[in-house]
Structures are given as C-alpha cells and as structure tokens.
Amino acid sequence: MNNLLNCHKGCQVKVKKINAEYNLKQRLISFGVMKGAELEVLEHAPGKKTIEIKIGKMRIALRAQEAELIEVEEV
C-alpha cells in the first residue's frame, strides 16, 4: 500500500482511498481530500510529524497518522 506519508516532496498523487473513521473522513472531504482528487506534497516537517499538501489552490497540513490513512497513486 502506498500512502500519502510515504510520498516525497514534490510528488503529485491521486487519492485512491481514505481508510479513516467517519469524522476524520468527513473533515478531509471538506478540504477536498477525497477519492479521485489530485494533490501535491509540498513539505514534510522535521521527523515527519506533519506533512503539507496542496490541493487545488488550498494548502493544508496533516498529521502523520492522518496522512498514513490516505492511499495514493502517482500521477
């Protein structure tokens, strides 16, 4: 399984599946992170505790444990 946390800086990916519980999944969807969405990895915080992504024109930061739940494939 290739998840968002394993992607390197500059990587452009498409979301395949979100393996999160309902509340987190709904929060991610509200940011536009949903199946089929394309996003770019902008930065990893030191120690990979957070990851910054760009989806459309929005930039958001996710915790490592959240990013790990998002299955992706490179575009």
Protein backbone atom coordinates (compact mmCIF):
# COMPACT_ATOMS: atom_id res chain seq x y z
CA MET A 1 0.00 0.00 0.00
CA ASN A 2 1.36 3.41 -0.95
CA ASN A 3 0.14 6.07 1.46
CA LEU A 4 0.49 9.83 1.47
CA LEU A 5 3.06 9.82 4.28
CA ASN A 6 5.48 7.81 2.11
CA CYS A 7 5.45 10.39 -0.71
CA HIS A 8 8.43 12.66 -1.14
CA LYS A 9 8.42 16.43 -1.52
CA GLY A 10 7.15 17.49 -4.97
CA CYS A 11 5.31 14.22 -5.52
CA GLN A 12 1.97 14.56 -7.34
CA VAL A 13 -0.56 11.89 -6.49
CA LYS A 14 -4.20 10.88 -6.87
CA VAL A 15 -6.21 9.72 -3.85
CA LYS A 16 -7.32 6.07 -4.20
CA LYS A 17 -8.94 5.50 -0.81
CA ILE A 18 -9.25 7.04 2.66
CA ASN A 19 -9.05 4.44 5.45
CA ALA A 20 -10.26 6.73 8.24
CA GLU A 21 -13.16 6.74 10.65
CA TYR A 22 -16.23 8.76 9.70
CA ASN A 23 -15.44 12.11 11.40
CA LEU A 24 -11.89 12.33 10.05
CA LYS A 25 -13.03 11.23 6.60
CA GLN A 26 -15.68 13.97 6.55
CA ARG A 27 -13.11 16.58 7.66
CA LEU A 28 -10.72 15.53 4.88
CA ILE A 29 -13.55 15.62 2.32
CA SER A 30 -14.41 19.17 3.45
CA PHE A 31 -10.82 20.13 2.46
CA GLY A 32 -11.23 18.43 -0.92
CA VAL A 33 -9.20 15.34 0.01
CA MET A 34 -11.41 12.59 -1.45
CA LYS A 35 -11.19 9.64 -3.81
CA GLY A 36 -10.00 10.79 -7.24
CA ALA A 37 -8.61 14.13 -6.01
CA GLU A 38 -5.13 15.11 -7.18
CA LEU A 39 -2.73 16.72 -4.74
CA GLU A 40 0.92 17.67 -4.37
CA VAL A 41 3.23 17.07 -1.41
CA LEU A 42 4.83 20.41 -0.52
CA GLU A 43 6.81 19.68 2.63
CA HIS A 44 7.49 17.22 5.42
CA ALA A 45 8.08 18.65 8.91
CA PRO A 46 11.27 17.51 10.67
CA GLY A 47 10.75 13.99 11.94
CA LYS A 48 7.80 13.55 9.54
CA LYS A 49 5.29 14.51 12.26
CA THR A 50 3.26 16.58 9.77
CA ILE A 51 3.01 16.85 6.00
CA GLU A 52 1.94 19.90 4.00
CA ILE A 53 -0.06 19.27 0.84
CA LYS A 54 -1.59 21.41 -1.86
CA ILE A 55 -5.00 20.53 -3.25
CA GLY A 56 -6.34 22.94 -5.83
CA LYS A 57 -5.32 26.37 -4.52
CA MET A 58 -5.53 25.33 -0.87
CA ARG A 59 -2.60 24.30 1.30
CA ILE A 60 -3.25 22.13 4.33
CA ALA A 61 -1.14 20.37 6.92
CA LEU A 62 -1.97 16.85 8.03
CA ARG A 63 -0.66 14.88 10.99
CA ALA A 64 1.48 11.89 10.06
CA GLN A 65 -1.13 9.45 11.37
CA GLU A 66 -3.79 11.11 9.16
CA ALA A 67 -1.58 11.06 6.05
CA GLU A 68 -0.88 7.38 6.66
CA LEU A 69 -4.59 6.59 6.22
CA ILE A 70 -4.74 8.08 2.69
CA GLU A 71 -3.90 5.58 -0.07
CA VAL A 72 -2.49 7.26 -3.17
CA GLU A 73 -1.00 6.54 -6.59
CA GLU A 74 1.46 8.71 -8.51
CA VAL A 75 0.09 10.70 -11.43
